[in-house]
């Protein structure tokens, strides 16, 4: 699993800043504020994404994508639980795979492998099969909110 320490904080910080998020690094072995899952998983409070060196990159991407899929009202009250419904969760997973290509040293192939290793559950059995064969509704959700162009390009 690729972690923040593997890619380095600066490329991840720059990536998140382009999305409108601030990376807040937490000292190793300290609790991560705003982490829904706890342990080493990324945390999210308003526009601040919290991570330690051992935080998986797929977790950072997932939380960033939740933030991107929210309206401003939800963002302002955001603390720990990103909320959203089933359709939004699928859109978040789809978007995190797309945005993984913007992180040098990570990419969508590694993102999908790490998602599977973490335990994401897709009815076709893997993130890749879902992304390639069963994600039309997630794409449509993202297009409907202007996050993804109809041609497939990410607008953020």
Foldseek 3Di string as FASTA:
>chain_A
DAFCLNQDVVLVQVLLVVLVAGEDEDEPPDWAWQAQVTDQAWHAQQRYIYGYRGHHPLRSQLVSLLNSLDDNVLSNGDGNDSDDDPLSSLLSLLVSLVCQCVRPPAHNVNSFVVCVVVPDDDPVGTSVCCNVPPSPSSQVSCCVVVQAPPVGHGPD
